[in-house]
Amino acid sequence: MKIIEMKRAPNPRRVRIFLAEKDLDIAFEEIDLGLQEHKKPSFAKLNPLQRVPVLVFDDGTSIAETVAICRYFECIKPEPALFGRTPMEEARIEMWNRRMEHNFLFHVQQVFRHLHPAMAEHEVPQVPSWAEANRPRVYETLGFLDKELSCRAFIAGEDFSIADITALVTMDFMKPAKLARPAEFAHLTRWYDAVASRPSAAA
């Protein structure tokens, strides 16, 4: 079993943090997206959408998509529970993780993909106006999170979950996207300092 990834990309990092929280040691194989290695037929056979990460089993079966990979490992090793333990916890974490993906990570990605010079060959055409349209949406989400985090420790409740992993990786991805994190959001800063100091954040 191995995971094919590009370590610097945000979605592979989400999986790495998840595995570190689970204390699972899985082999990784690095590919270079800058060199278009994800476009090779051998990789496209594993994931026709040509994105990382991809979990590849010894029999050649493959699973793509970050959350699908994480859910597999949650089933393999249920503790610590990062998707919740009760139906209500699972639903809340699913809700918040989707919010972090659709209302936060997506917008940061659009700013990065449509403005960063390194993405010019990958995002054709780059549309700077689309990047700028997504910029204020990032800050709307940060303000929303700051208010929500005034009454609980983590994104989806009192326990660390995959929603925190998605939000942490997105916060860090703001730096290459040249999006500044507002200092005035005290609750968001408290949360970020807590999750960024976890050993798994260095995965």
N, C-alpha and C. Protein backbone atom coordinates (compact mmCIF):
# COMPACT_ATOMS: atom_id res chain seq x y z
N MET A 1 0.85 -1.20 0.00
CA MET A 1 0.00 0.00 0.00
C MET A 1 0.88 1.24 0.00
N LYS A 2 0.50 2.22 -0.80
CA LYS A 2 1.25 3.47 -0.84
C LYS A 2 0.31 4.62 -1.22
N ILE A 3 0.75 5.82 -0.93
CA ILE A 3 0.01 7.01 -1.32
C ILE A 3 0.90 7.81 -2.27
N ILE A 4 0.37 8.09 -3.46
CA ILE A 4 1.07 8.92 -4.42
C ILE A 4 0.65 10.36 -4.17
N GLU A 5 1.61 11.24 -4.08
CA GLU A 5 1.33 12.61 -3.68
C GLU A 5 2.35 13.58 -4.24
N MET A 6 2.09 14.85 -4.06
CA MET A 6 3.12 15.88 -4.12
C MET A 6 3.06 16.57 -2.78
N LYS A 7 4.09 16.43 -1.99
CA LYS A 7 4.04 16.79 -0.57
C LYS A 7 3.65 18.23 -0.34
N ARG A 8 4.05 19.15 -1.23
CA ARG A 8 3.78 20.57 -1.01
C ARG A 8 2.31 20.93 -1.27
N ALA A 9 1.58 20.09 -1.95
CA ALA A 9 0.19 20.40 -2.29
C ALA A 9 -0.71 20.26 -1.06
N PRO A 10 -1.77 21.06 -0.96
CA PRO A 10 -2.58 21.06 0.26
C PRO A 10 -3.34 19.76 0.53
N ASN A 11 -3.92 19.14 -0.49
CA ASN A 11 -4.71 17.94 -0.22
C ASN A 11 -3.86 16.76 0.26
N PRO A 12 -2.69 16.50 -0.34
CA PRO A 12 -1.85 15.47 0.25
C PRO A 12 -1.46 15.77 1.69
N ARG A 13 -1.27 17.04 2.01
CA ARG A 13 -0.93 17.37 3.40
C ARG A 13 -2.08 17.04 4.34
N ARG A 14 -3.30 17.23 3.89
CA ARG A 14 -4.46 16.86 4.72
C ARG A 14 -4.39 15.38 5.08
N VAL A 15 -4.04 14.53 4.12
CA VAL A 15 -3.94 13.10 4.39
C VAL A 15 -2.78 12.81 5.33
N ARG A 16 -1.65 13.49 5.13
CA ARG A 16 -0.49 13.27 5.99
C ARG A 16 -0.81 13.61 7.45
N ILE A 17 -1.49 14.73 7.67
CA ILE A 17 -1.86 15.10 9.04
C ILE A 17 -2.82 14.08 9.62
N PHE A 18 -3.78 13.65 8.83
CA PHE A 18 -4.75 12.65 9.28
C PHE A 18 -4.03 11.37 9.72
N LEU A 19 -3.10 10.90 8.91
CA LEU A 19 -2.36 9.67 9.24
C LEU A 19 -1.49 9.87 10.47
N ALA A 20 -0.91 11.06 10.62
CA ALA A 20 -0.10 11.33 11.80
C ALA A 20 -0.95 11.31 13.07
N GLU A 21 -2.15 11.85 13.00
CA GLU A 21 -3.06 11.79 14.16
C GLU A 21 -3.41 10.35 14.50
N LYS A 22 -3.51 9.51 13.49
CA LYS A 22 -3.84 8.09 13.69
C LYS A 22 -2.61 7.26 14.06
N ASP A 23 -1.42 7.87 13.95
CA ASP A 23 -0.16 7.15 14.18
C ASP A 23 -0.04 5.96 13.23
N LEU A 24 -0.36 6.20 11.96
CA LEU A 24 -0.26 5.18 10.93
C LEU A 24 0.92 5.51 10.02
N ASP A 25 1.72 4.51 9.74
CA ASP A 25 2.92 4.68 8.91
C ASP A 25 2.65 4.06 7.54
N ILE A 26 2.41 4.90 6.54
CA ILE A 26 2.10 4.46 5.19
C ILE A 26 3.19 4.97 4.25
N ALA A 27 3.55 4.15 3.27
CA ALA A 27 4.57 4.55 2.30
C ALA A 27 4.02 5.64 1.38
N PHE A 28 4.89 6.59 1.03
CA PHE A 28 4.52 7.67 0.11
C PHE A 28 5.42 7.63 -1.11
N GLU A 29 4.84 7.96 -2.25
CA GLU A 29 5.60 8.11 -3.50
C GLU A 29 5.35 9.51 -4.04
N GLU A 30 6.42 10.24 -4.23
CA GLU A 30 6.33 11.63 -4.66
C GLU A 30 6.32 11.73 -6.19
N ILE A 31 5.40 12.54 -6.73
CA ILE A 31 5.46 12.90 -8.13
C ILE A 31 5.53 14.41 -8.24
N ASP A 32 6.01 14.90 -9.35
CA ASP A 32 6.20 16.33 -9.54
C ASP A 32 5.13 16.87 -10.48
N LEU A 33 4.19 17.62 -9.92
CA LEU A 33 3.12 18.18 -10.75
C LEU A 33 3.68 19.23 -11.70
N GLY A 34 4.74 19.91 -11.28
CA GLY A 34 5.35 20.93 -12.13
C GLY A 34 5.91 20.33 -13.41
N LEU A 35 6.34 19.07 -13.32
CA LEU A 35 6.86 18.37 -14.50
C LEU A 35 5.78 17.58 -15.22
N GLN A 36 4.52 17.81 -14.81
CA GLN A 36 3.37 17.17 -15.46
C GLN A 36 3.36 15.64 -15.29
N GLU A 37 3.97 15.15 -14.22
CA GLU A 37 4.01 13.70 -14.03
C GLU A 37 2.63 13.11 -13.76
N HIS A 38 1.70 13.95 -13.31
CA HIS A 38 0.34 13.48 -13.10
C HIS A 38 -0.41 13.28 -14.41
N LYS A 39 0.18 13.73 -15.51
CA LYS A 39 -0.44 13.58 -16.83
C LYS A 39 -0.01 12.28 -17.52
N LYS A 40 0.93 11.58 -16.94
CA LYS A 40 1.41 10.35 -17.54
C LYS A 40 0.31 9.28 -17.54
N PRO A 41 0.26 8.44 -18.58
CA PRO A 41 -0.78 7.40 -18.65
C PRO A 41 -0.80 6.48 -17.44
N SER A 42 0.37 6.19 -16.87
CA SER A 42 0.42 5.28 -15.72
C SER A 42 -0.31 5.86 -14.52
N PHE A 43 -0.19 7.18 -14.33
CA PHE A 43 -0.90 7.82 -13.21
C PHE A 43 -2.37 8.01 -13.55
N ALA A 44 -2.65 8.42 -14.78
CA ALA A 44 -4.05 8.62 -15.19
C ALA A 44 -4.86 7.34 -15.08
N LYS A 45 -4.19 6.20 -15.19
CA LYS A 45 -4.88 4.92 -15.02
C LYS A 45 -5.35 4.75 -13.58
N LEU A 46 -4.58 5.29 -12.63
CA LEU A 46 -4.95 5.21 -11.22
C LEU A 46 -6.02 6.23 -10.86
N ASN A 47 -5.92 7.42 -11.45
CA ASN A 47 -6.90 8.48 -11.22
C ASN A 47 -7.11 9.24 -12.53
N PRO A 48 -8.19 8.95 -13.23
CA PRO A 48 -8.44 9.61 -14.51
C PRO A 48 -8.52 11.14 -14.41
N LEU A 49 -8.84 11.67 -13.22
CA LEU A 49 -8.89 13.12 -13.04
C LEU A 49 -7.50 13.71 -12.84
N GLN A 50 -6.50 12.85 -12.71
CA GLN A 50 -5.09 13.28 -12.68
C GLN A 50 -4.81 14.26 -11.54
N ARG A 51 -5.25 13.88 -10.35
CA ARG A 51 -5.01 14.70 -9.16
C ARG A 51 -4.44 13.85 -8.05
N VAL A 52 -3.73 14.49 -7.15
CA VAL A 52 -3.20 13.82 -5.97
C VAL A 52 -3.95 14.31 -4.74
N PRO A 53 -4.00 13.46 -3.69
CA PRO A 53 -3.34 12.17 -3.52
C PRO A 53 -4.17 11.00 -4.07
N VAL A 54 -3.48 9.87 -4.23
CA VAL A 54 -4.14 8.62 -4.62
C VAL A 54 -3.59 7.51 -3.73
N LEU A 55 -4.48 6.75 -3.13
CA LEU A 55 -4.10 5.59 -2.33
C LEU A 55 -4.11 4.37 -3.24
N VAL A 56 -2.98 3.68 -3.32
CA VAL A 56 -2.84 2.53 -4.21
C VAL A 56 -2.57 1.28 -3.37
N PHE A 57 -3.40 0.27 -3.56
CA PHE A 57 -3.26 -0.98 -2.82
C PHE A 57 -2.34 -1.95 -3.57
N ASP A 58 -1.91 -2.98 -2.88
CA ASP A 58 -0.95 -3.92 -3.46
C ASP A 58 -1.49 -4.64 -4.69
N ASP A 59 -2.81 -4.77 -4.79
CA ASP A 59 -3.39 -5.45 -5.96
C ASP A 59 -3.65 -4.49 -7.12
N GLY A 60 -3.25 -3.22 -6.95
CA GLY A 60 -3.42 -2.24 -8.02
C GLY A 60 -4.68 -1.41 -7.90
N THR A 61 -5.58 -1.77 -6.98
CA THR A 61 -6.78 -0.97 -6.75
C THR A 61 -6.38 0.40 -6.22
N SER A 62 -7.10 1.43 -6.64
CA SER A 62 -6.76 2.78 -6.19
C SER A 62 -7.98 3.52 -5.71
N ILE A 63 -7.77 4.39 -4.73
CA ILE A 63 -8.80 5.28 -4.20
C ILE A 63 -8.26 6.70 -4.27
N ALA A 64 -9.00 7.58 -4.92
CA ALA A 64 -8.63 8.99 -4.98
C ALA A 64 -9.59 9.79 -4.10
N GLU A 65 -9.34 11.08 -4.02
CA GLU A 65 -10.09 12.05 -3.23
C GLU A 65 -9.68 11.98 -1.76
N THR A 66 -9.30 13.11 -1.24
CA THR A 66 -8.73 13.23 0.10
C THR A 66 -9.61 12.62 1.19
N VAL A 67 -10.88 13.01 1.22
CA VAL A 67 -11.75 12.54 2.30
C VAL A 67 -12.03 11.06 2.18
N ALA A 68 -12.14 10.54 0.95
CA ALA A 68 -12.35 9.11 0.76
C ALA A 68 -11.17 8.33 1.32
N ILE A 69 -9.95 8.82 1.08
CA ILE A 69 -8.76 8.16 1.62
C ILE A 69 -8.78 8.21 3.15
N CYS A 70 -9.11 9.35 3.70
CA CYS A 70 -9.17 9.48 5.15
C CYS A 70 -10.24 8.58 5.75
N ARG A 71 -11.37 8.48 5.11
CA ARG A 71 -12.43 7.61 5.62
C ARG A 71 -11.99 6.14 5.64
N TYR A 72 -11.23 5.75 4.65
CA TYR A 72 -10.72 4.37 4.64
C TYR A 72 -9.88 4.13 5.89
N PHE A 73 -8.99 5.05 6.19
CA PHE A 73 -8.12 4.85 7.35
C PHE A 73 -8.87 5.02 8.67
N GLU A 74 -9.94 5.80 8.67
CA GLU A 74 -10.79 5.89 9.87
C GLU A 74 -11.42 4.53 10.17
N CYS A 75 -11.82 3.81 9.12
CA CYS A 75 -12.39 2.46 9.31
C CYS A 75 -11.33 1.48 9.77
N ILE A 76 -10.13 1.61 9.24
CA ILE A 76 -9.03 0.71 9.61
C ILE A 76 -8.63 0.91 11.06
N LYS A 77 -8.57 2.19 11.48
CA LYS A 77 -8.18 2.53 12.85
C LYS A 77 -9.12 3.61 13.38
N PRO A 78 -10.21 3.19 14.03
CA PRO A 78 -11.25 4.15 14.44
C PRO A 78 -10.82 5.19 15.47
N GLU A 79 -9.79 4.90 16.24
CA GLU A 79 -9.35 5.85 17.27
C GLU A 79 -7.97 6.41 16.95
N PRO A 80 -7.78 7.68 17.21
CA PRO A 80 -8.78 8.66 17.65
C PRO A 80 -9.78 8.95 16.54
N ALA A 81 -11.02 9.14 16.94
CA ALA A 81 -12.10 9.35 15.97
C ALA A 81 -12.02 10.76 15.40
N LEU A 82 -11.73 10.86 14.12
CA LEU A 82 -11.62 12.17 13.48
C LEU A 82 -12.83 12.50 12.62
N PHE A 83 -13.77 11.55 12.52
CA PHE A 83 -15.04 11.78 11.83
C PHE A 83 -16.22 11.70 12.80
N GLY A 84 -15.94 11.61 14.11
CA GLY A 84 -17.01 11.53 15.10
C GLY A 84 -17.31 10.11 15.51
N ARG A 85 -18.04 9.98 16.63
CA ARG A 85 -18.40 8.67 17.17
C ARG A 85 -19.90 8.42 17.15
N THR A 86 -20.69 9.46 17.32
CA THR A 86 -22.14 9.31 17.33
C THR A 86 -22.71 9.85 16.02
N PRO A 87 -23.96 9.49 15.69
CA PRO A 87 -24.55 10.04 14.48
C PRO A 87 -24.54 11.57 14.44
N MET A 88 -24.79 12.22 15.57
CA MET A 88 -24.79 13.68 15.61
C MET A 88 -23.38 14.23 15.38
N GLU A 89 -22.39 13.63 16.04
CA GLU A 89 -21.01 14.08 15.84
C GLU A 89 -20.58 13.90 14.38
N GLU A 90 -20.91 12.76 13.81
CA GLU A 90 -20.53 12.50 12.42
C GLU A 90 -21.17 13.52 11.48
N ALA A 91 -22.43 13.83 11.72
CA ALA A 91 -23.13 14.79 10.87
C ALA A 91 -22.54 16.20 11.02
N ARG A 92 -22.24 16.60 12.25
CA ARG A 92 -21.67 17.93 12.47
C ARG A 92 -20.29 18.05 11.83
N ILE A 93 -19.48 17.02 11.98
CA ILE A 93 -18.13 17.07 11.40
C ILE A 93 -18.22 17.07 9.88
N GLU A 94 -19.12 16.27 9.32
CA GLU A 94 -19.31 16.28 7.86
C GLU A 94 -19.74 17.67 7.39
N MET A 95 -20.68 18.27 8.11
CA MET A 95 -21.15 19.61 7.76
C MET A 95 -20.00 20.60 7.77
N TRP A 96 -19.21 20.60 8.83
CA TRP A 96 -18.15 21.58 8.95
C TRP A 96 -16.99 21.31 8.00
N ASN A 97 -16.69 20.05 7.76
CA ASN A 97 -15.62 19.77 6.81
C ASN A 97 -16.01 20.22 5.40
N ARG A 98 -17.25 20.01 5.03
CA ARG A 98 -17.71 20.48 3.72
C ARG A 98 -17.69 22.00 3.66
N ARG A 99 -18.05 22.66 4.74
CA ARG A 99 -17.97 24.12 4.77
C ARG A 99 -16.53 24.59 4.58
N MET A 100 -15.60 23.90 5.23
CA MET A 100 -14.20 24.28 5.10
C MET A 100 -13.69 24.04 3.68
N GLU A 101 -14.18 23.00 3.05
CA GLU A 101 -13.78 22.72 1.66
C GLU A 101 -14.39 23.71 0.69
N HIS A 102 -15.71 23.91 0.79
CA HIS A 102 -16.43 24.70 -0.20
C HIS A 102 -16.38 26.19 0.05
N ASN A 103 -16.29 26.61 1.30
CA ASN A 103 -16.34 28.03 1.63
C ASN A 103 -14.98 28.62 1.99
N PHE A 104 -13.97 27.78 2.08
CA PHE A 104 -12.65 28.27 2.48
C PHE A 104 -11.56 27.78 1.52
N LEU A 105 -11.31 26.47 1.51
CA LEU A 105 -10.25 25.93 0.66
C LEU A 105 -10.48 26.26 -0.81
N PHE A 106 -11.71 26.10 -1.28
CA PHE A 106 -11.99 26.37 -2.69
C PHE A 106 -11.61 27.80 -3.07
N HIS A 107 -11.99 28.77 -2.25
CA HIS A 107 -11.73 30.17 -2.59
C HIS A 107 -10.24 30.49 -2.54
N VAL A 108 -9.52 29.93 -1.56
CA VAL A 108 -8.08 30.15 -1.50
C VAL A 108 -7.41 29.54 -2.74
N GLN A 109 -7.86 28.35 -3.11
CA GLN A 109 -7.31 27.71 -4.30
C GLN A 109 -7.52 28.56 -5.55
N GLN A 110 -8.69 29.16 -5.67
CA GLN A 110 -8.96 29.96 -6.86
C GLN A 110 -8.06 31.19 -6.94
N VAL A 111 -7.80 31.81 -5.79
CA VAL A 111 -6.88 32.94 -5.77
C VAL A 111 -5.49 32.48 -6.20
N PHE A 112 -5.04 31.38 -5.63
CA PHE A 112 -3.71 30.86 -5.96
C PHE A 112 -3.61 30.45 -7.42
N ARG A 113 -4.57 29.67 -7.89
CA ARG A 113 -4.48 29.11 -9.24
C ARG A 113 -4.58 30.17 -10.32
N HIS A 114 -5.30 31.25 -10.05
CA HIS A 114 -5.53 32.24 -11.10
C HIS A 114 -4.65 33.48 -11.00
N LEU A 115 -3.77 33.51 -9.97
CA LEU A 115 -2.85 34.65 -9.85
C LEU A 115 -1.38 34.23 -9.82
N HIS A 116 -1.09 33.07 -9.28
CA HIS A 116 0.32 32.69 -9.09
C HIS A 116 0.96 32.33 -10.42
N PRO A 117 2.12 32.92 -10.72
CA PRO A 117 2.79 32.64 -12.00
C PRO A 117 3.10 31.16 -12.22
N ALA A 118 3.37 30.43 -11.13
CA ALA A 118 3.71 29.01 -11.27
C ALA A 118 2.54 28.18 -11.77
N MET A 119 1.32 28.72 -11.68
CA MET A 119 0.14 27.98 -12.09
C MET A 119 -0.29 28.28 -13.53
N ALA A 120 0.46 29.12 -14.21
CA ALA A 120 0.06 29.56 -15.55
C ALA A 120 -0.11 28.40 -16.53
N GLU A 121 0.75 27.38 -16.40
CA GLU A 121 0.66 26.24 -17.31
C GLU A 121 -0.40 25.24 -16.89
N HIS A 122 -0.86 25.36 -15.65
CA HIS A 122 -1.84 24.39 -15.13
C HIS A 122 -3.27 24.92 -15.22
N GLU A 123 -3.42 26.21 -15.03
CA GLU A 123 -4.75 26.83 -15.07
C GLU A 123 -4.84 27.65 -16.35
N VAL A 124 -5.37 27.03 -17.40
CA VAL A 124 -5.42 27.69 -18.71
C VAL A 124 -6.87 27.87 -19.13
N PRO A 125 -7.35 29.13 -19.23
CA PRO A 125 -6.57 30.35 -18.98
C PRO A 125 -6.65 30.76 -17.51
N GLN A 126 -5.62 31.46 -17.06
CA GLN A 126 -5.73 32.11 -15.76
C GLN A 126 -6.65 33.32 -15.91
N VAL A 127 -7.54 33.49 -14.94
CA VAL A 127 -8.50 34.60 -14.98
C VAL A 127 -8.31 35.42 -13.71
N PRO A 128 -7.46 36.43 -13.75
CA PRO A 128 -7.19 37.23 -12.55
C PRO A 128 -8.44 37.82 -11.91
N SER A 129 -9.41 38.21 -12.72
CA SER A 129 -10.63 38.78 -12.16
C SER A 129 -11.39 37.76 -11.31
N TRP A 130 -11.30 36.48 -11.69
CA TRP A 130 -11.94 35.41 -10.90
C TRP A 130 -11.21 35.24 -9.57
N ALA A 131 -9.90 35.35 -9.60
CA ALA A 131 -9.13 35.29 -8.36
C ALA A 131 -9.55 36.42 -7.42
N GLU A 132 -9.67 37.62 -7.96
CA GLU A 132 -10.04 38.77 -7.14
C GLU A 132 -11.46 38.65 -6.62
N ALA A 133 -12.33 38.01 -7.39
CA ALA A 133 -13.71 37.80 -6.93
C ALA A 133 -13.76 36.85 -5.75
N ASN A 134 -12.79 35.93 -5.67
CA ASN A 134 -12.75 34.96 -4.57
C ASN A 134 -12.06 35.51 -3.32
N ARG A 135 -11.23 36.52 -3.49
CA ARG A 135 -10.48 37.06 -2.35
C ARG A 135 -11.38 37.49 -1.19
N PRO A 136 -12.42 38.32 -1.41
CA PRO A 136 -13.25 38.72 -0.26
C PRO A 136 -14.01 37.57 0.37
N ARG A 137 -14.28 36.52 -0.39
CA ARG A 137 -14.99 35.37 0.16
C ARG A 137 -14.13 34.63 1.19
N VAL A 138 -12.81 34.65 0.97
CA VAL A 138 -11.90 34.06 1.96
C VAL A 138 -12.06 34.79 3.29
N TYR A 139 -12.08 36.11 3.25
CA TYR A 139 -12.14 36.90 4.49
C TYR A 139 -13.53 36.84 5.13
N GLU A 140 -14.56 36.66 4.33
CA GLU A 140 -15.89 36.44 4.89
C GLU A 140 -15.90 35.16 5.72
N THR A 141 -15.28 34.11 5.19
CA THR A 141 -15.22 32.84 5.92
C THR A 141 -14.40 32.97 7.18
N LEU A 142 -13.29 33.70 7.13
CA LEU A 142 -12.46 33.88 8.32
C LEU A 142 -13.23 34.62 9.41
N GLY A 143 -13.99 35.63 9.04
CA GLY A 143 -14.81 36.33 10.02
C GLY A 143 -15.87 35.43 10.62
N PHE A 144 -16.48 34.63 9.79
CA PHE A 144 -17.49 33.66 10.23
C PHE A 144 -16.87 32.67 11.22
N LEU A 145 -15.68 32.15 10.88
CA LEU A 145 -15.01 31.21 11.76
C LEU A 145 -14.64 31.84 13.09
N ASP A 146 -14.19 33.06 13.06
CA ASP A 146 -13.80 33.73 14.30
C ASP A 146 -14.98 33.80 15.26
N LYS A 147 -16.15 34.12 14.76
CA LYS A 147 -17.35 34.17 15.60
C LYS A 147 -17.70 32.78 16.13
N GLU A 148 -17.64 31.78 15.26
CA GLU A 148 -17.99 30.41 15.67
C GLU A 148 -17.03 29.89 16.72
N LEU A 149 -15.75 30.21 16.58
CA LEU A 149 -14.75 29.69 17.51
C LEU A 149 -14.73 30.42 18.85
N SER A 150 -15.59 31.41 19.00
CA SER A 150 -15.70 32.09 20.30
C SER A 150 -16.39 31.23 21.34
N CYS A 151 -17.06 30.17 20.88
CA CYS A 151 -17.84 29.36 21.83
C CYS A 151 -17.46 27.88 21.84
N ARG A 152 -16.38 27.50 21.17
CA ARG A 152 -15.94 26.10 21.24
C ARG A 152 -14.46 26.03 20.87
N ALA A 153 -13.87 24.90 21.22
CA ALA A 153 -12.43 24.75 21.06
C ALA A 153 -12.01 24.51 19.61
N PHE A 154 -12.81 23.73 18.88
CA PHE A 154 -12.42 23.33 17.54
C PHE A 154 -13.52 23.63 16.54
N ILE A 155 -13.23 23.43 15.28
CA ILE A 155 -14.15 23.82 14.21
C ILE A 155 -15.53 23.20 14.38
N ALA A 156 -15.58 21.89 14.65
CA ALA A 156 -16.87 21.19 14.68
C ALA A 156 -17.35 20.88 16.09
N GLY A 157 -16.61 21.28 17.11
CA GLY A 157 -17.04 20.95 18.47
C GLY A 157 -15.88 21.05 19.45
N GLU A 158 -15.91 20.20 20.47
CA GLU A 158 -14.88 20.24 21.50
C GLU A 158 -13.73 19.29 21.23
N ASP A 159 -13.80 18.54 20.13
CA ASP A 159 -12.73 17.60 19.80
C ASP A 159 -12.15 17.93 18.42
N PHE A 160 -10.86 17.69 18.28
CA PHE A 160 -10.16 17.85 17.02
C PHE A 160 -10.72 16.88 15.99
N SER A 161 -10.91 17.34 14.76
CA SER A 161 -11.50 16.48 13.73
C SER A 161 -10.91 16.80 12.36
N ILE A 162 -11.37 16.07 11.35
CA ILE A 162 -10.92 16.31 9.99
C ILE A 162 -11.26 17.73 9.54
N ALA A 163 -12.30 18.33 10.11
CA ALA A 163 -12.65 19.71 9.76
C ALA A 163 -11.52 20.66 10.17
N ASP A 164 -10.88 20.38 11.30
CA ASP A 164 -9.74 21.20 11.73
C ASP A 164 -8.55 21.00 10.81
N ILE A 165 -8.36 19.78 10.34
CA ILE A 165 -7.26 19.51 9.42
C ILE A 165 -7.45 20.30 8.14
N THR A 166 -8.66 20.28 7.59
CA THR A 166 -8.93 21.03 6.36
C THR A 166 -8.72 22.51 6.57
N ALA A 167 -9.20 23.04 7.69
CA ALA A 167 -9.07 24.47 7.96
C ALA A 167 -7.61 24.85 8.19
N LEU A 168 -6.85 24.03 8.91
CA LEU A 168 -5.44 24.32 9.18
C LEU A 168 -4.65 24.36 7.87
N VAL A 169 -4.82 23.35 7.04
CA VAL A 169 -4.09 23.30 5.77
C VAL A 169 -4.46 24.50 4.90
N THR A 170 -5.72 24.88 4.93
CA THR A 170 -6.15 26.03 4.14
C THR A 170 -5.54 27.32 4.66
N MET A 171 -5.50 27.47 5.97
CA MET A 171 -4.89 28.67 6.56
C MET A 171 -3.43 28.78 6.13
N ASP A 172 -2.72 27.67 6.15
CA ASP A 172 -1.32 27.70 5.75
C ASP A 172 -1.16 27.93 4.24
N PHE A 173 -2.15 27.46 3.47
CA PHE A 173 -2.10 27.63 2.02
C PHE A 173 -2.38 29.08 1.62
N MET A 174 -2.91 29.87 2.56
CA MET A 174 -3.10 31.28 2.28
C MET A 174 -1.78 31.99 2.00
N LYS A 175 -0.69 31.50 2.59
CA LYS A 175 0.61 32.18 2.42
C LYS A 175 1.07 32.15 0.97
N PRO A 176 1.16 30.98 0.30
CA PRO A 176 1.56 31.01 -1.11
C PRO A 176 0.54 31.70 -2.01
N ALA A 177 -0.72 31.77 -1.54
CA ALA A 177 -1.74 32.50 -2.29
C ALA A 177 -1.67 34.00 -2.04
N LYS A 178 -0.73 34.41 -1.16
CA LYS A 178 -0.53 35.82 -0.82
C LYS A 178 -1.79 36.45 -0.22
N LEU A 179 -2.40 35.70 0.68
CA LEU A 179 -3.56 36.17 1.43
C LEU A 179 -3.15 36.30 2.89
N ALA A 180 -3.21 37.49 3.43
CA ALA A 180 -2.78 37.73 4.81
C ALA A 180 -3.87 37.29 5.78
N ARG A 181 -3.43 36.70 6.91
CA ARG A 181 -4.37 36.31 7.95
C ARG A 181 -4.59 37.50 8.88
N PRO A 182 -5.83 38.00 8.99
CA PRO A 182 -6.08 39.18 9.82
C PRO A 182 -5.76 38.94 11.29
N ALA A 183 -5.00 39.84 11.88
CA ALA A 183 -4.58 39.70 13.27
C ALA A 183 -5.71 39.96 14.25
N GLU A 184 -6.76 40.65 13.79
CA GLU A 184 -7.82 41.04 14.72
C GLU A 184 -8.75 39.90 15.10
N PHE A 185 -8.66 38.78 14.42
CA PHE A 185 -9.55 37.65 14.72
C PHE A 185 -8.94 36.82 15.86
N ALA A 186 -9.20 37.22 17.08
CA ALA A 186 -8.55 36.62 18.25
C ALA A 186 -8.92 35.15 18.44
N HIS A 187 -10.18 34.80 18.24
CA HIS A 187 -10.61 33.41 18.44
C HIS A 187 -10.01 32.51 17.37
N LEU A 188 -9.95 33.00 16.16
CA LEU A 188 -9.34 32.25 15.08
C LEU A 188 -7.84 32.05 15.35
N THR A 189 -7.19 33.08 15.86
CA THR A 189 -5.77 32.98 16.18
C THR A 189 -5.53 31.98 17.29
N ARG A 190 -6.38 32.00 18.32
CA ARG A 190 -6.25 31.02 19.41
C ARG A 190 -6.37 29.61 18.87
N TRP A 191 -7.39 29.38 18.03
CA TRP A 191 -7.57 28.05 17.44
C TRP A 191 -6.37 27.66 16.59
N TYR A 192 -5.92 28.58 15.73
CA TYR A 192 -4.81 28.26 14.83
C TYR A 192 -3.56 27.90 15.62
N ASP A 193 -3.23 28.66 16.63
CA ASP A 193 -2.05 28.38 17.44
C ASP A 193 -2.13 26.99 18.07
N ALA A 194 -3.34 26.61 18.49
CA ALA A 194 -3.52 25.30 19.12
C ALA A 194 -3.34 24.16 18.14
N VAL A 195 -3.95 24.26 16.96
CA VAL A 195 -3.87 23.14 16.01
C VAL A 195 -2.53 23.10 15.30
N ALA A 196 -1.93 24.27 15.07
CA ALA A 196 -0.64 24.31 14.40
C ALA A 196 0.49 23.78 15.28
N SER A 197 0.28 23.76 16.60
CA SER A 197 1.28 23.26 17.53
C SER A 197 1.18 21.75 17.76
N ARG A 198 0.15 21.12 17.20
CA ARG A 198 0.03 19.67 17.35
C ARG A 198 1.16 19.01 16.54
N PRO A 199 1.75 17.93 17.04
CA PRO A 199 2.83 17.26 16.31
C PRO A 199 2.45 16.88 14.88
N SER A 200 1.18 16.54 14.67
CA SER A 200 0.74 16.11 13.33
C SER A 200 0.85 17.20 12.30
N ALA A 201 0.83 18.47 12.73
CA ALA A 201 0.87 19.58 11.79
C ALA A 201 2.18 19.62 11.01
N ALA A 202 3.20 18.98 11.54
CA ALA A 202 4.50 18.95 10.86
C ALA A 202 4.62 17.81 9.87
N ALA A 203 3.58 17.02 9.74
CA ALA A 203 3.64 15.86 8.83
C ALA A 203 3.82 16.29 7.39
